[in-house]
Amino acid sequence: MPHPRFSAQEIGRRGKALYEQNIRKHVETEENIGKIVSIDIETGEYEIGDNVPKSSERLLAKRPDAALSGIRIGYNAVYALGGTLTRTV
């Protein structure tokens, strides 16, 4: 379902920018590689979990209308459909 304030492209763009500028240096550790980080694109808050629902639910508990972007830590995509994930670290 689309977010009422942001397009999917805007959510992705902002999430990636926040990850690269502020979050990556804190979360890309060996124990987190392959986990999901969900990022509230308006506040910059983030949560790490084994999958998208787990990493998102804590953020949505704080702000139910949050626009969230999900990134697989250490990889180029969250999911691979018919392909493979590529490590970025």
PDB file of N, CA and C in Angstrom:
ATOM      1  N   MET A   1       0.851  -1.178   0.000  1.00  0.00           N
ATOM      2  CA  MET A   1       0.000   0.000   0.000  1.00  0.00           C
ATOM      3  C   MET A   1       0.892   1.235   0.000  1.00  0.00           C
ATOM      4  N   PRO A   2       0.610   2.204  -0.843  1.00  0.00           N
ATOM      5  CA  PRO A   2       1.427   3.408  -0.915  1.00  0.00           C
ATOM      6  C   PRO A   2       1.363   4.215   0.378  1.00  0.00           C
ATOM      7  N   HIS A   3       2.430   4.926   0.658  1.00  0.00           N
ATOM      8  CA  HIS A   3       2.460   5.803   1.825  1.00  0.00           C
ATOM      9  C   HIS A   3       1.755   7.106   1.436  1.00  0.00           C
ATOM     10  N   PRO A   4       0.964   7.704   2.346  1.00  0.00           N
ATOM     11  CA  PRO A   4       0.200   8.908   1.975  1.00  0.00           C
ATOM     12  C   PRO A   4       1.048  10.160   1.734  1.00  0.00           C
ATOM     13  N   ARG A   5       2.274  10.213   2.284  1.00  0.00           N
ATOM     14  CA  ARG A   5       3.080  11.426   2.140  1.00  0.00           C
ATOM     15  C   ARG A   5       4.273  11.281   1.202  1.00  0.00           C
ATOM     16  N   PHE A   6       4.694  10.047   0.921  1.00  0.00           N
ATOM     17  CA  PHE A   6       5.912   9.841   0.137  1.00  0.00           C
ATOM     18  C   PHE A   6       5.711   8.748  -0.900  1.00  0.00           C
ATOM     19  N   SER A   7       6.327   8.920  -2.048  1.00  0.00           N
ATOM     20  CA  SER A   7       6.318   7.857  -3.053  1.00  0.00           C
ATOM     21  C   SER A   7       7.322   6.784  -2.636  1.00  0.00           C
ATOM     22  N   ALA A   8       7.200   5.607  -3.211  1.00  0.00           N
ATOM     23  CA  ALA A   8       8.142   4.523  -2.935  1.00  0.00           C
ATOM     24  C   ALA A   8       9.558   4.949  -3.318  1.00  0.00           C
ATOM     25  N   GLN A   9       9.688   5.680  -4.405  1.00  0.00           N
ATOM     26  CA  GLN A   9      11.002   6.139  -4.853  1.00  0.00           C
ATOM     27  C   GLN A   9      11.621   7.106  -3.842  1.00  0.00           C
ATOM     28  N   GLU A  10      10.809   8.013  -3.303  1.00  0.00           N
ATOM     29  CA  GLU A  10      11.306   8.985  -2.321  1.00  0.00           C
ATOM     30  C   GLU A  10      11.713   8.276  -1.032  1.00  0.00           C
ATOM     31  N   ILE A  11      10.924   7.309  -0.597  1.00  0.00           N
ATOM     32  CA  ILE A  11      11.269   6.546   0.610  1.00  0.00           C
ATOM     33  C   ILE A  11      12.601   5.839   0.401  1.00  0.00           C
ATOM     34  N   GLY A  12      12.762   5.184  -0.736  1.00  0.00           N
ATOM     35  CA  GLY A  12      14.011   4.489  -1.031  1.00  0.00           C
ATOM     36  C   GLY A  12      15.199   5.430  -1.100  1.00  0.00           C
ATOM     37  N   ARG A  13      15.019   6.568  -1.755  1.00  0.00           N
ATOM     38  CA  ARG A  13      16.101   7.540  -1.902  1.00  0.00           C
ATOM     39  C   ARG A  13      16.538   8.082  -0.541  1.00  0.00           C
ATOM     40  N   ARG A  14      15.568   8.479   0.263  1.00  0.00           N
ATOM     41  CA  ARG A  14      15.887   9.031   1.587  1.00  0.00           C
ATOM     42  C   ARG A  14      16.497   7.977   2.501  1.00  0.00           C
ATOM     43  N   GLY A  15      15.932   6.769   2.452  1.00  0.00           N
ATOM     44  CA  GLY A  15      16.467   5.686   3.288  1.00  0.00           C
ATOM     45  C   GLY A  15      17.911   5.381   2.948  1.00  0.00           C
ATOM     46  N   LYS A  16      18.217   5.278   1.670  1.00  0.00           N
ATOM     47  CA  LYS A  16      19.588   4.993   1.236  1.00  0.00           C
ATOM     48  C   LYS A  16      20.535   6.113   1.651  1.00  0.00           C
ATOM     49  N   ALA A  17      20.104   7.358   1.496  1.00  0.00           N
ATOM     50  CA  ALA A  17      20.942   8.499   1.881  1.00  0.00           C
ATOM     51  C   ALA A  17      21.233   8.485   3.386  1.00  0.00           C
ATOM     52  N   LEU A  18      20.205   8.260   4.193  1.00  0.00           N
ATOM     53  CA  LEU A  18      20.408   8.205   5.645  1.00  0.00           C
ATOM     54  C   LEU A  18      21.345   7.062   6.020  1.00  0.00           C
ATOM     55  N   TYR A  19      21.156   5.919   5.369  1.00  0.00           N
ATOM     56  CA  TYR A  19      22.005   4.766   5.658  1.00  0.00           C
ATOM     57  C   TYR A  19      23.463   5.092   5.333  1.00  0.00           C
ATOM     58  N   GLU A  20      23.712   5.613   4.164  1.00  0.00           N
ATOM     59  CA  GLU A  20      25.089   5.886   3.737  1.00  0.00           C
ATOM     60  C   GLU A  20      25.734   6.999   4.564  1.00  0.00           C
ATOM     61  N   GLN A  21      24.978   8.040   4.916  1.00  0.00           N
ATOM     62  CA  GLN A  21      25.538   9.200   5.607  1.00  0.00           C
ATOM     63  C   GLN A  21      25.702   8.999   7.114  1.00  0.00           C
ATOM     64  N   ASN A  22      24.748   8.284   7.743  1.00  0.00           N
ATOM     65  CA  ASN A  22      24.728   8.255   9.211  1.00  0.00           C
ATOM     66  C   ASN A  22      24.707   6.875   9.855  1.00  0.00           C
ATOM     67  N   ILE A  23      24.105   5.906   9.213  1.00  0.00           N
ATOM     68  CA  ILE A  23      23.797   4.652   9.893  1.00  0.00           C
ATOM     69  C   ILE A  23      24.810   3.553   9.606  1.00  0.00           C
ATOM     70  N   ARG A  24      25.262   3.463   8.378  1.00  0.00           N
ATOM     71  CA  ARG A  24      26.134   2.358   7.945  1.00  0.00           C
ATOM     72  C   ARG A  24      27.302   2.137   8.895  1.00  0.00           C
ATOM     73  N   LYS A  25      27.998   3.184   9.274  1.00  0.00           N
ATOM     74  CA  LYS A  25      29.189   3.060  10.117  1.00  0.00           C
ATOM     75  C   LYS A  25      28.884   2.460  11.488  1.00  0.00           C
ATOM     76  N   HIS A  26      27.629   2.532  11.918  1.00  0.00           N
ATOM     77  CA  HIS A  26      27.240   1.999  13.218  1.00  0.00           C
ATOM     78  C   HIS A  26      26.743   0.555  13.156  1.00  0.00           C
ATOM     79  N   VAL A  27      26.210   0.145  12.012  1.00  0.00           N
ATOM     80  CA  VAL A  27      25.535  -1.157  11.961  1.00  0.00           C
ATOM     81  C   VAL A  27      26.264  -2.231  11.167  1.00  0.00           C
ATOM     82  N   GLU A  28      27.195  -1.865  10.298  1.00  0.00           N
ATOM     83  CA  GLU A  28      27.859  -2.886   9.484  1.00  0.00           C
ATOM     84  C   GLU A  28      28.968  -3.557  10.276  1.00  0.00           C
ATOM     85  N   THR A  29      28.545  -4.457  11.160  1.00  0.00           N
ATOM     86  CA  THR A  29      29.448  -5.273  11.961  1.00  0.00           C
ATOM     87  C   THR A  29      29.208  -6.727  11.570  1.00  0.00           C
ATOM     88  N   GLU A  30      30.154  -7.596  11.859  1.00  0.00           N
ATOM     89  CA  GLU A  30      30.026  -9.006  11.474  1.00  0.00           C
ATOM     90  C   GLU A  30      28.735  -9.632  11.984  1.00  0.00           C
ATOM     91  N   GLU A  31      28.330  -9.307  13.204  1.00  0.00           N
ATOM     92  CA  GLU A  31      27.112  -9.922  13.757  1.00  0.00           C
ATOM     93  C   GLU A  31      25.840  -9.408  13.089  1.00  0.00           C
ATOM     94  N   ASN A  32      25.900  -8.266  12.404  1.00  0.00           N
ATOM     95  CA  ASN A  32      24.715  -7.708  11.745  1.00  0.00           C
ATOM     96  C   ASN A  32      24.638  -7.987  10.248  1.00  0.00           C
ATOM     97  N   ILE A  33      25.717  -8.455   9.623  1.00  0.00           N
ATOM     98  CA  ILE A  33      25.705  -8.691   8.179  1.00  0.00           C
ATOM     99  C   ILE A  33      24.576  -9.665   7.839  1.00  0.00           C
ATOM    100  N   GLY A  34      23.739  -9.264   6.889  1.00  0.00           N
ATOM    101  CA  GLY A  34      22.601 -10.076   6.462  1.00  0.00           C
ATOM    102  C   GLY A  34      21.294  -9.735   7.161  1.00  0.00           C
ATOM    103  N   LYS A  35      21.355  -9.000   8.262  1.00  0.00           N
ATOM    104  CA  LYS A  35      20.130  -8.577   8.949  1.00  0.00           C
ATOM    105  C   LYS A  35      19.537  -7.380   8.222  1.00  0.00           C
ATOM    106  N   ILE A  36      18.330  -7.016   8.628  1.00  0.00           N
ATOM    107  CA  ILE A  36      17.620  -5.888   8.022  1.00  0.00           C
ATOM    108  C   ILE A  36      17.642  -4.697   8.978  1.00  0.00           C
ATOM    109  N   VAL A  37      17.922  -3.523   8.430  1.00  0.00           N
ATOM    110  CA  VAL A  37      17.770  -2.287   9.187  1.00  0.00           C
ATOM    111  C   VAL A  37      16.589  -1.537   8.568  1.00  0.00           C
ATOM    112  N   SER A  38      15.612  -1.200   9.399  1.00  0.00           N
ATOM    113  CA  SER A  38      14.493  -0.365   8.967  1.00  0.00           C
ATOM    114  C   SER A  38      14.754   1.044   9.462  1.00  0.00           C
ATOM    115  N   ILE A  39      14.542   2.010   8.576  1.00  0.00           N
ATOM    116  CA  ILE A  39      14.868   3.401   8.869  1.00  0.00           C
ATOM    117  C   ILE A  39      13.627   4.262   8.707  1.00  0.00           C
ATOM    118  N   ASP A  40      13.318   5.053   9.728  1.00  0.00           N
ATOM    119  CA  ASP A  40      12.261   6.054   9.628  1.00  0.00           C
ATOM    120  C   ASP A  40      12.868   7.225   8.865  1.00  0.00           C
ATOM    121  N   ILE A  41      12.413   7.462   7.654  1.00  0.00           N
ATOM    122  CA  ILE A  41      13.051   8.466   6.795  1.00  0.00           C
ATOM    123  C   ILE A  41      12.812   9.899   7.255  1.00  0.00           C
ATOM    124  N   GLU A  42      11.890  10.104   8.190  1.00  0.00           N
ATOM    125  CA  GLU A  42      11.644  11.456   8.685  1.00  0.00           C
ATOM    126  C   GLU A  42      12.449  11.769   9.939  1.00  0.00           C
ATOM    127  N   THR A  43      12.681  10.782  10.785  1.00  0.00           N
ATOM    128  CA  THR A  43      13.393  11.028  12.040  1.00  0.00           C
ATOM    129  C   THR A  43      14.832  10.532  12.015  1.00  0.00           C
ATOM    130  N   GLY A  44      15.138   9.586  11.118  1.00  0.00           N
ATOM    131  CA  GLY A  44      16.464   8.984  11.085  1.00  0.00           C
ATOM    132  C   GLY A  44      16.637   7.855  12.087  1.00  0.00           C
ATOM    133  N   GLU A  45      15.605   7.582  12.884  1.00  0.00           N
ATOM    134  CA  GLU A  45      15.691   6.460  13.814  1.00  0.00           C
ATOM    135  C   GLU A  45      15.729   5.159  13.024  1.00  0.00           C
ATOM    136  N   TYR A  46      16.363   4.139  13.592  1.00  0.00           N
ATOM    137  CA  TYR A  46      16.428   2.852  12.910  1.00  0.00           C
ATOM    138  C   TYR A  46      16.389   1.708  13.912  1.00  0.00           C
ATOM    139  N   GLU A  47      16.012   0.555  13.420  1.00  0.00           N
ATOM    140  CA  GLU A  47      15.966  -0.674  14.202  1.00  0.00           C
ATOM    141  C   GLU A  47      16.509  -1.801  13.336  1.00  0.00           C
ATOM    142  N   ILE A  48      17.186  -2.753  13.963  1.00  0.00           N
ATOM    143  CA  ILE A  48      17.745  -3.907  13.273  1.00  0.00           C
ATOM    144  C   ILE A  48      16.963  -5.144  13.687  1.00  0.00           C
ATOM    145  N   GLY A  49      16.700  -6.025  12.709  1.00  0.00           N
ATOM    146  CA  GLY A  49      16.013  -7.283  12.984  1.00  0.00           C
ATOM    147  C   GLY A  49      16.405  -8.336  11.968  1.00  0.00           C
ATOM    148  N   ASP A  50      15.949  -9.553  12.195  1.00  0.00           N
ATOM    149  CA  ASP A  50      16.256 -10.651  11.277  1.00  0.00           C
ATOM    150  C   ASP A  50      15.474 -10.561   9.979  1.00  0.00           C
ATOM    151  N   ASN A  51      14.355  -9.819  10.004  1.00  0.00           N
ATOM    152  CA  ASN A  51      13.542  -9.664   8.801  1.00  0.00           C
ATOM    153  C   ASN A  51      12.826  -8.318   8.862  1.00  0.00           C
ATOM    154  N   VAL A  52      12.138  -7.971   7.777  1.00  0.00           N
ATOM    155  CA  VAL A  52      11.488  -6.653   7.693  1.00  0.00           C
ATOM    156  C   VAL A  52      10.436  -6.456   8.787  1.00  0.00           C
ATOM    157  N   PRO A  53       9.521  -7.419   9.019  1.00  0.00           N
ATOM    158  CA  PRO A  53       8.527  -7.172  10.074  1.00  0.00           C
ATOM    159  C   PRO A  53       9.151  -6.939  11.453  1.00  0.00           C
ATOM    160  N   LYS A  54      10.167  -7.715  11.789  1.00  0.00           N
ATOM    161  CA  LYS A  54      10.785  -7.553  13.110  1.00  0.00           C
ATOM    162  C   LYS A  54      11.476  -6.204  13.251  1.00  0.00           C
ATOM    163  N   SER A  55      12.158  -5.768  12.205  1.00  0.00           N
ATOM    164  CA  SER A  55      12.869  -4.490  12.316  1.00  0.00           C
ATOM    165  C   SER A  55      11.921  -3.299  12.222  1.00  0.00           C
ATOM    166  N   SER A  56      10.777  -3.484  11.595  1.00  0.00           N
ATOM    167  CA  SER A  56       9.821  -2.384  11.420  1.00  0.00           C
ATOM    168  C   SER A  56       8.878  -2.198  12.596  1.00  0.00           C
ATOM    169  N   GLU A  57       8.520  -3.276  13.262  1.00  0.00           N
ATOM    170  CA  GLU A  57       7.455  -3.182  14.277  1.00  0.00           C
ATOM    171  C   GLU A  57       7.815  -2.241  15.426  1.00  0.00           C
ATOM    172  N   ARG A  58       9.075  -2.184  15.831  1.00  0.00           N
ATOM    173  CA  ARG A  58       9.451  -1.283  16.930  1.00  0.00           C
ATOM    174  C   ARG A  58       9.345   0.186  16.507  1.00  0.00           C
ATOM    175  N   LEU A  59       9.713   0.478  15.260  1.00  0.00           N
ATOM    176  CA  LEU A  59       9.569   1.857  14.767  1.00  0.00           C
ATOM    177  C   LEU A  59       8.104   2.243  14.631  1.00  0.00           C
ATOM    178  N   LEU A  60       7.297   1.313  14.119  1.00  0.00           N
ATOM    179  CA  LEU A  60       5.869   1.607  13.940  1.00  0.00           C
ATOM    180  C   LEU A  60       5.134   1.719  15.272  1.00  0.00           C
ATOM    181  N   ALA A  61       5.650   1.085  16.304  1.00  0.00           N
ATOM    182  CA  ALA A  61       5.056   1.233  17.637  1.00  0.00           C
ATOM    183  C   ALA A  61       5.234   2.666  18.141  1.00  0.00           C
ATOM    184  N   LYS A  62       6.343   3.289  17.779  1.00  0.00           N
ATOM    185  CA  LYS A  62       6.606   4.679  18.178  1.00  0.00           C
ATOM    186  C   LYS A  62       5.829   5.674  17.320  1.00  0.00           C
ATOM    187  N   ARG A  63       5.786   5.394  15.978  1.00  0.00           N
ATOM    188  CA  ARG A  63       5.134   6.290  15.019  1.00  0.00           C
ATOM    189  C   ARG A  63       4.394   5.447  13.998  1.00  0.00           C
ATOM    190  N   PRO A  64       3.117   5.176  14.230  1.00  0.00           N
ATOM    191  CA  PRO A  64       2.367   4.294  13.324  1.00  0.00           C
ATOM    192  C   PRO A  64       2.283   4.788  11.879  1.00  0.00           C
ATOM    193  N   ASP A  65       2.472   6.076  11.649  1.00  0.00           N
ATOM    194  CA  ASP A  65       2.392   6.607  10.286  1.00  0.00           C
ATOM    195  C   ASP A  65       3.769   6.816   9.663  1.00  0.00           C
ATOM    196  N   ALA A  66       4.808   6.224  10.267  1.00  0.00           N
ATOM    197  CA  ALA A  66       6.177   6.414   9.786  1.00  0.00           C
ATOM    198  C   ALA A  66       6.346   5.875   8.372  1.00  0.00           C
ATOM    199  N   ALA A  67       7.198   6.540   7.625  1.00  0.00           N
ATOM    200  CA  ALA A  67       7.601   6.066   6.297  1.00  0.00           C
ATOM    201  C   ALA A  67       8.926   5.340   6.488  1.00  0.00           C
ATOM    202  N   LEU A  68       8.919   4.022   6.273  1.00  0.00           N
ATOM    203  CA  LEU A  68      10.084   3.203   6.562  1.00  0.00           C
ATOM    204  C   LEU A  68      10.749   2.690   5.297  1.00  0.00           C
ATOM    205  N   SER A  69      12.063   2.686   5.346  1.00  0.00           N
ATOM    206  CA  SER A  69      12.878   2.114   4.281  1.00  0.00           C
ATOM    207  C   SER A  69      13.650   0.946   4.887  1.00  0.00           C
ATOM    208  N   GLY A  70      13.734  -0.158   4.165  1.00  0.00           N
ATOM    209  CA  GLY A  70      14.455  -1.327   4.654  1.00  0.00           C
ATOM    210  C   GLY A  70      15.684  -1.612   3.812  1.00  0.00           C
ATOM    211  N   ILE A  71      16.790  -1.923   4.483  1.00  0.00           N
ATOM    212  CA  ILE A  71      18.049  -2.216   3.813  1.00  0.00           C
ATOM    213  C   ILE A  71      18.648  -3.464   4.452  1.00  0.00           C
ATOM    214  N   ARG A  72      19.132  -4.403   3.620  1.00  0.00           N
ATOM    215  CA  ARG A  72      19.838  -5.567   4.140  1.00  0.00           C
ATOM    216  C   ARG A  72      21.282  -5.144   4.386  1.00  0.00           C
ATOM    217  N   ILE A  73      21.723  -5.272   5.615  1.00  0.00           N
ATOM    218  CA  ILE A  73      23.051  -4.812   6.017  1.00  0.00           C
ATOM    219  C   ILE A  73      24.128  -5.633   5.300  1.00  0.00           C
ATOM    220  N   GLY A  74      24.992  -4.910   4.591  1.00  0.00           N
ATOM    221  CA  GLY A  74      26.111  -5.543   3.915  1.00  0.00           C
ATOM    222  C   GLY A  74      25.808  -6.089   2.542  1.00  0.00           C
ATOM    223  N   TYR A  75      24.594  -5.847   2.023  1.00  0.00           N
ATOM    224  CA  TYR A  75      24.211  -6.350   0.709  1.00  0.00           C
ATOM    225  C   TYR A  75      23.605  -5.233  -0.136  1.00  0.00           C
ATOM    226  N   ASN A  76      23.501  -5.507  -1.431  1.00  0.00           N
ATOM    227  CA  ASN A  76      23.008  -4.504  -2.368  1.00  0.00           C
ATOM    228  C   ASN A  76      21.492  -4.449  -2.474  1.00  0.00           C
ATOM    229  N   ALA A  77      20.780  -5.386  -1.871  1.00  0.00           N
ATOM    230  CA  ALA A  77      19.315  -5.417  -1.946  1.00  0.00           C
ATOM    231  C   ALA A  77      18.758  -6.144  -0.730  1.00  0.00           C
ATOM    232  N   VAL A  78      17.484  -5.910  -0.439  1.00  0.00           N
ATOM    233  CA  VAL A  78      16.829  -6.615   0.663  1.00  0.00           C
ATOM    234  C   VAL A  78      16.520  -8.044   0.243  1.00  0.00           C
ATOM    235  N   TYR A  79      16.000  -8.222  -0.966  1.00  0.00           N
ATOM    236  CA  TYR A  79      15.623  -9.536  -1.483  1.00  0.00           C
ATOM    237  C   TYR A  79      16.215  -9.727  -2.870  1.00  0.00           C
ATOM    238  N   ALA A  80      16.413 -10.976  -3.245  1.00  0.00           N
ATOM    239  CA  ALA A  80      16.855 -11.290  -4.606  1.00  0.00           C
ATOM    240  C   ALA A  80      15.768 -12.130  -5.262  1.00  0.00           C
ATOM    241  N   LEU A  81      15.167 -11.616  -6.303  1.00  0.00           N
ATOM    242  CA  LEU A  81      14.144 -12.335  -7.046  1.00  0.00           C
ATOM    243  C   LEU A  81      14.759 -12.855  -8.341  1.00  0.00           C
ATOM    244  N   GLY A  82      15.004 -14.140  -8.387  1.00  0.00           N
ATOM    245  CA  GLY A  82      15.583 -14.719  -9.589  1.00  0.00           C
ATOM    246  C   GLY A  82      17.043 -14.375  -9.791  1.00  0.00           C
ATOM    247  N   GLY A  83      17.698 -13.899  -8.764  1.00  0.00           N
ATOM    248  CA  GLY A  83      19.110 -13.541  -8.874  1.00  0.00           C
ATOM    249  C   GLY A  83      19.820 -13.809  -7.567  1.00  0.00           C
ATOM    250  N   THR A  84      20.921 -13.158  -7.364  1.00  0.00           N
ATOM    251  CA  THR A  84      21.667 -13.335  -6.123  1.00  0.00           C
ATOM    252  C   THR A  84      21.930 -11.982  -5.490  1.00  0.00           C
ATOM    253  N   LEU A  85      22.076 -11.998  -4.178  1.00  0.00           N
ATOM    254  CA  LEU A  85      22.464 -10.791  -3.458  1.00  0.00           C
ATOM    255  C   LEU A  85      23.971 -10.643  -3.552  1.00  0.00           C
ATOM    256  N   THR A  86      24.425  -9.423  -3.664  1.00  0.00           N
ATOM    257  CA  THR A  86      25.846  -9.129  -3.759  1.00  0.00           C
ATOM    258  C   THR A  86      26.291  -8.404  -2.511  1.00  0.00           C
ATOM    259  N   ARG A  87      27.365  -8.883  -1.887  1.00  0.00           N
ATOM    260  CA  ARG A  87      27.910  -8.223  -0.709  1.00  0.00           C
ATOM    261  C   ARG A  87      28.494  -6.865  -1.095  1.00  0.00           C
ATOM    262  N   THR A  88      28.292  -5.887  -0.231  1.00  0.00           N
ATOM    263  CA  THR A  88      28.819  -4.552  -0.473  1.00  0.00           C
ATOM    264  C   THR A  88      30.012  -4.246   0.419  1.00  0.00           C
ATOM    265  N   VAL A  89      30.303  -5.105   1.361  1.00  0.00           N
ATOM    266  CA  VAL A  89      31.442  -4.864   2.271  1.00  0.00           C
ATOM    267  C   VAL A  89      32.523  -5.881   2.034  1.00  0.00           C
TER     268      VAL A  89
END
